[in-house]
Protein backbone atom coordinates (compact mmCIF):
# COMPACT_ATOMS: atom_id res chain seq x y z
CA MET A 1 0.73 8.82 -147.28
CA THR A 2 1.81 8.85 -150.91
CA ALA A 3 3.99 5.96 -152.03
CA ARG A 4 7.29 6.72 -153.82
CA PRO A 5 7.91 3.69 -156.07
CA PRO A 6 9.88 1.65 -156.56
CA LEU A 7 9.11 0.11 -153.20
CA PRO A 8 11.12 -2.35 -151.12
CA PRO A 9 12.08 -5.09 -151.16
CA PHE A 10 14.36 -4.00 -153.98
CA THR A 11 15.67 -6.00 -156.92
CA GLU A 12 18.79 -4.95 -158.81
CA GLU A 13 16.58 -3.24 -161.39
CA THR A 14 14.37 -1.38 -158.91
CA ALA A 15 17.34 -0.39 -156.72
CA ALA A 16 19.15 1.03 -159.77
CA ARG A 17 16.00 2.94 -160.74
CA LYS A 18 15.71 4.36 -157.20
CA VAL A 19 19.34 5.49 -157.36
CA ARG A 20 18.85 7.25 -160.71
CA MET A 21 15.68 8.93 -159.45
CA ALA A 22 17.60 10.25 -156.45
CA GLU A 23 20.43 11.47 -158.68
CA ASP A 24 18.01 13.27 -160.98
CA ALA A 25 16.24 14.94 -158.05
CA TRP A 26 19.49 16.10 -156.41
CA ASN A 27 20.69 17.54 -159.73
CA THR A 28 17.66 19.87 -159.76
CA ARG A 29 19.11 21.51 -156.62
CA ASP A 30 15.56 22.05 -155.35
CA PRO A 31 15.60 21.44 -151.57
CA GLU A 32 11.82 21.10 -151.28
CA ARG A 33 11.55 18.61 -154.14
CA VAL A 34 14.48 16.56 -152.86
CA SER A 35 13.13 16.49 -149.29
CA LEU A 36 9.87 14.85 -150.42
CA ALA A 37 11.76 11.58 -151.01
CA TYR A 38 12.42 11.33 -147.24
CA THR A 39 10.11 10.47 -144.36
CA GLU A 40 8.90 13.35 -142.19
CA ASP A 41 11.25 12.12 -139.43
CA SER A 42 14.11 10.97 -141.68
CA ARG A 43 17.49 10.79 -139.94
CA TRP A 44 20.70 11.76 -141.72
CA ARG A 45 24.41 11.75 -141.14
CA ASN A 46 26.13 13.84 -143.78
CA ARG A 47 29.87 14.04 -143.13
CA ALA A 48 29.92 15.11 -139.46
CA GLU A 49 26.48 16.71 -139.47
CA PHE A 50 23.45 14.94 -138.01
CA LEU A 51 19.95 15.91 -139.13
CA ALA A 52 16.41 14.81 -138.37
CA GLY A 53 13.24 15.66 -140.29
CA ARG A 54 12.32 17.29 -143.56
CA PRO A 55 12.67 20.91 -142.38
CA ALA A 56 16.27 20.22 -141.28
CA ILE A 57 16.97 18.44 -144.58
CA GLN A 58 15.60 21.39 -146.58
CA ALA A 59 17.69 23.88 -144.58
CA PHE A 60 20.79 21.72 -145.03
CA LEU A 61 20.26 21.48 -148.80
CA GLN A 62 19.71 25.24 -149.09
CA ARG A 63 23.05 25.86 -147.33
CA LYS A 64 24.78 23.17 -149.40
CA TRP A 65 23.74 24.51 -152.78
CA ALA A 66 24.39 28.13 -151.78
CA ARG A 67 28.02 27.05 -151.17
CA GLU A 68 28.47 24.32 -153.81
CA LEU A 69 27.93 26.20 -157.05
CA GLU A 70 27.44 24.54 -160.47
CA TYR A 71 26.78 21.25 -158.67
CA ARG A 72 26.55 18.13 -160.86
CA LEU A 73 26.17 14.64 -159.36
CA ILE A 74 26.46 11.04 -160.53
CA LYS A 75 25.28 8.18 -158.29
CA GLU A 76 25.84 4.47 -158.87
CA LEU A 77 24.26 1.45 -157.22
CA TRP A 78 26.78 -0.45 -155.09
CA ALA A 79 24.60 -3.03 -153.31
CA TRP A 80 21.04 -3.67 -152.15
CA HIS A 81 19.14 -5.98 -149.84
CA GLY A 82 15.51 -5.80 -148.75
CA GLU A 83 14.77 -2.17 -147.87
CA ARG A 84 18.42 -1.03 -148.01
CA ILE A 85 20.54 0.37 -150.82
CA ALA A 86 24.24 1.28 -150.81
CA VAL A 87 25.41 3.91 -153.27
CA ARG A 88 28.71 5.38 -154.36
CA PHE A 89 28.76 8.82 -155.90
CA ALA A 90 30.84 11.71 -157.13
CA TYR A 91 29.88 15.30 -157.74
CA GLU A 92 31.66 18.35 -159.07
CA TRP A 93 31.20 21.89 -157.88
CA ARG A 94 32.98 25.19 -157.46
CA ASP A 95 33.11 27.59 -154.59
CA ASP A 96 32.51 31.34 -154.80
CA SER A 97 36.22 31.98 -155.41
CA GLY A 98 36.15 29.81 -158.56
CA SER A 99 38.02 26.82 -157.11
CA TRP A 100 36.72 23.46 -158.40
CA PHE A 101 36.26 20.24 -156.44
CA ARG A 102 35.22 16.67 -157.08
CA SER A 103 33.59 15.15 -154.01
CA TYR A 104 33.56 11.36 -153.65
CA GLY A 105 31.38 9.43 -151.29
CA ASN A 106 29.31 6.49 -150.20
CA GLU A 107 25.76 6.48 -148.89
CA GLN A 108 23.72 3.93 -147.03
CA TRP A 109 19.98 4.25 -147.45
CA GLU A 110 17.08 2.62 -145.61
CA PHE A 111 13.50 2.93 -146.87
CA ASP A 112 10.09 2.51 -145.30
CA GLU A 113 7.32 0.43 -146.85
CA HIS A 114 6.11 3.48 -148.84
CA GLY A 115 9.47 3.92 -150.61
CA LEU A 116 10.46 6.97 -148.56
CA MET A 117 14.00 7.12 -147.21
CA ARG A 118 13.96 7.01 -143.43
CA ARG A 119 17.72 6.91 -142.95
CA ARG A 120 20.68 8.26 -144.93
CA GLU A 121 24.32 8.04 -143.93
CA ALA A 122 26.88 9.74 -146.14
CA SER A 123 30.67 9.76 -145.99
CA ILE A 124 32.24 12.30 -148.35
CA ASN A 125 35.73 13.49 -149.26
CA ASP A 126 36.56 16.57 -151.36
CA LEU A 127 39.36 16.65 -153.92
CA PRO A 128 40.46 19.99 -155.38
CA ILE A 129 40.59 19.76 -159.20
CA ARG A 130 41.50 22.10 -162.02
CA GLU A 131 38.63 23.39 -164.13
CA ALA A 132 40.22 21.61 -167.10
CA ASP A 133 39.94 18.27 -165.23
CA ARG A 134 36.16 18.45 -164.84
CA LEU A 135 34.25 15.48 -166.25
CA PHE A 136 30.65 16.48 -165.46
CA ARG A 137 29.94 19.16 -168.07
CA TRP A 138 26.28 18.73 -168.98
CA PRO A 139 23.90 21.72 -168.70
CA GLN A 140 22.64 22.35 -165.16
CA GLY A 141 19.97 19.82 -164.18
CA PRO A 142 19.63 16.02 -164.43
CA ARG A 143 22.44 14.12 -166.17
CA PRO A 144 21.58 13.32 -169.80
CA ALA A 145 20.79 9.65 -170.45
CA ASP A 146 23.77 9.31 -172.80
CA HIS A 147 26.32 10.79 -170.35
CA PRO A 148 28.61 8.09 -168.90
CA GLY A 149 28.27 7.01 -165.29
CA LEU A 150 31.02 6.63 -162.70
CA SER A 151 32.31 3.24 -163.83
CA ALA A 152 32.41 4.29 -167.48
CA LEU A 153 34.36 7.41 -166.47
CA GLY A 154 36.84 5.32 -164.48
CA LEU A 155 35.88 6.98 -161.19
């Protein structure tokens, strides 16, 4: 099995790095690439949907990004301990009718000894926004290093 550093137990620095790596991967919107950060039998709760295993995660992400167009995500470390990390996040997207949303949420992550996520629990709420109220306007892909994070944006 290939390790995915940083590995637990996490420090503030390594937890923050793990969070940014996850953010960057999700912003690629590549279900296969994203799924490689999870164990083969990873268990998820995303809103009211329960998933188990990489194939289910890939299928979920394909559906998600087919619906959530122009997706851009920012994650921020909330807390960490041992092999667990808590994250808060926001992402902006539009649907196929052109309506914009900002989705806010919290995630709880648990990693195995190889740095793969074996458990992910996400609670998410969607807020309709006007296109003019968007804050995440970088080109599609990972957030530029100089773009402010959630706290700096007041979110």
